[in-house]
């Protein structure tokens, strides 16, 4: 499911070293979908 990014969409991400195996994107995207948040990870 793709959403349109607009002026109210909050864009979040992960910055750091050795993050290629991080579960953060998966976990955050599941929360965003579950609660229908206007976020883009």
N, C-alpha and C. Protein backbone atom coordinates (compact mmCIF):
# COMPACT_ATOMS: atom_id res chain seq x y z
N UNK A 1 0.84 -1.17 0.00
CA UNK A 1 0.00 0.00 0.00
C UNK A 1 0.89 1.24 0.00
N UNK A 2 0.79 2.03 -1.04
CA UNK A 2 1.57 3.26 -1.11
C UNK A 2 0.68 4.44 -0.78
N UNK A 3 1.22 5.35 0.00
CA UNK A 3 0.50 6.56 0.37
C UNK A 3 1.15 7.75 -0.30
N UNK A 4 0.36 8.77 -0.48
CA UNK A 4 0.90 10.01 -1.02
C UNK A 4 1.50 10.83 0.11
N UNK A 5 2.69 11.36 -0.12
CA UNK A 5 3.34 12.23 0.85
C UNK A 5 2.86 13.64 0.60
N UNK A 6 2.38 14.30 1.66
CA UNK A 6 1.90 15.67 1.53
C UNK A 6 2.56 16.55 2.60
N UNK A 7 2.11 17.76 2.72
CA UNK A 7 2.69 18.71 3.67
C UNK A 7 2.53 18.33 5.13
N UNK A 8 1.60 17.42 5.42
CA UNK A 8 1.38 17.00 6.81
C UNK A 8 2.08 15.69 7.15
N UNK A 9 2.63 15.02 6.14
CA UNK A 9 3.32 13.75 6.35
C UNK A 9 4.61 13.98 7.12
N UNK A 10 4.82 13.20 8.16
CA UNK A 10 6.06 13.28 8.92
C UNK A 10 7.03 12.24 8.36
N UNK A 11 8.23 12.67 8.02
CA UNK A 11 9.24 11.78 7.46
C UNK A 11 10.25 11.44 8.55
N UNK A 12 10.42 10.15 8.80
CA UNK A 12 11.34 9.69 9.84
C UNK A 12 12.33 8.71 9.22
N UNK A 13 13.45 8.49 9.90
CA UNK A 13 14.44 7.57 9.37
C UNK A 13 15.45 7.17 10.44
N UNK A 14 16.46 6.48 9.99
CA UNK A 14 17.49 5.95 10.89
C UNK A 14 18.84 6.37 10.34
N UNK A 15 19.66 6.95 11.19
CA UNK A 15 20.99 7.40 10.80
C UNK A 15 22.00 6.77 11.75
N UNK A 16 23.09 6.29 11.21
CA UNK A 16 24.13 5.72 12.07
C UNK A 16 25.04 4.79 11.31
N UNK A 17 25.88 4.10 12.04
CA UNK A 17 26.79 3.13 11.45
C UNK A 17 26.29 1.72 11.74
N UNK A 18 26.60 0.82 10.83
CA UNK A 18 26.24 -0.60 11.00
C UNK A 18 24.74 -0.80 11.23
N UNK A 19 23.92 -0.14 10.44
CA UNK A 19 22.47 -0.23 10.62
C UNK A 19 21.80 -1.12 9.58
N UNK A 20 22.59 -1.72 8.69
CA UNK A 20 21.99 -2.50 7.60
C UNK A 20 21.16 -3.68 8.08
N UNK A 21 21.39 -4.17 9.28
CA UNK A 21 20.62 -5.30 9.81
C UNK A 21 19.60 -4.86 10.86
N UNK A 22 19.37 -3.56 10.96
CA UNK A 22 18.43 -3.04 11.95
C UNK A 22 17.00 -3.46 11.62
N UNK A 23 16.25 -3.80 12.65
CA UNK A 23 14.83 -4.12 12.49
C UNK A 23 13.97 -2.87 12.61
N UNK A 24 14.59 -1.73 12.84
CA UNK A 24 13.84 -0.49 13.05
C UNK A 24 12.87 -0.17 11.91
N UNK A 25 13.28 -0.23 10.63
CA UNK A 25 12.33 0.08 9.56
C UNK A 25 11.11 -0.85 9.58
N UNK A 26 11.34 -2.13 9.78
CA UNK A 26 10.25 -3.09 9.83
C UNK A 26 9.30 -2.79 10.99
N UNK A 27 9.85 -2.58 12.17
CA UNK A 27 9.05 -2.33 13.37
C UNK A 27 8.25 -1.03 13.21
N UNK A 28 8.92 0.03 12.80
CA UNK A 28 8.23 1.31 12.66
C UNK A 28 7.16 1.26 11.58
N UNK A 29 7.44 0.61 10.45
CA UNK A 29 6.44 0.52 9.39
C UNK A 29 5.21 -0.27 9.83
N UNK A 30 5.40 -1.30 10.65
CA UNK A 30 4.25 -2.05 11.16
C UNK A 30 3.37 -1.17 12.05
N UNK A 31 3.99 -0.35 12.89
CA UNK A 31 3.25 0.56 13.76
C UNK A 31 2.53 1.62 12.93
N UNK A 32 3.21 2.16 11.92
CA UNK A 32 2.61 3.18 11.05
C UNK A 32 1.37 2.61 10.36
N UNK A 33 1.47 1.38 9.86
CA UNK A 33 0.33 0.75 9.19
C UNK A 33 -0.79 0.46 10.18
N UNK A 34 -0.45 -0.13 11.33
CA UNK A 34 -1.46 -0.53 12.32
C UNK A 34 -2.29 0.65 12.80
N UNK A 35 -1.65 1.79 13.02
CA UNK A 35 -2.35 2.95 13.57
C UNK A 35 -2.69 4.00 12.51
N UNK A 36 -2.51 3.67 11.24
CA UNK A 36 -2.83 4.57 10.11
C UNK A 36 -2.23 5.96 10.31
N UNK A 37 -0.96 6.00 10.68
CA UNK A 37 -0.28 7.26 10.92
C UNK A 37 0.17 7.87 9.60
N UNK A 38 0.23 9.19 9.55
CA UNK A 38 0.69 9.89 8.35
C UNK A 38 2.20 10.11 8.46
N UNK A 39 2.94 8.99 8.42
CA UNK A 39 4.39 8.99 8.52
C UNK A 39 4.96 8.27 7.31
N UNK A 40 6.19 8.59 6.96
CA UNK A 40 6.93 7.87 5.93
C UNK A 40 8.29 7.54 6.52
N UNK A 41 8.61 6.25 6.60
CA UNK A 41 9.88 5.83 7.19
C UNK A 41 10.84 5.50 6.09
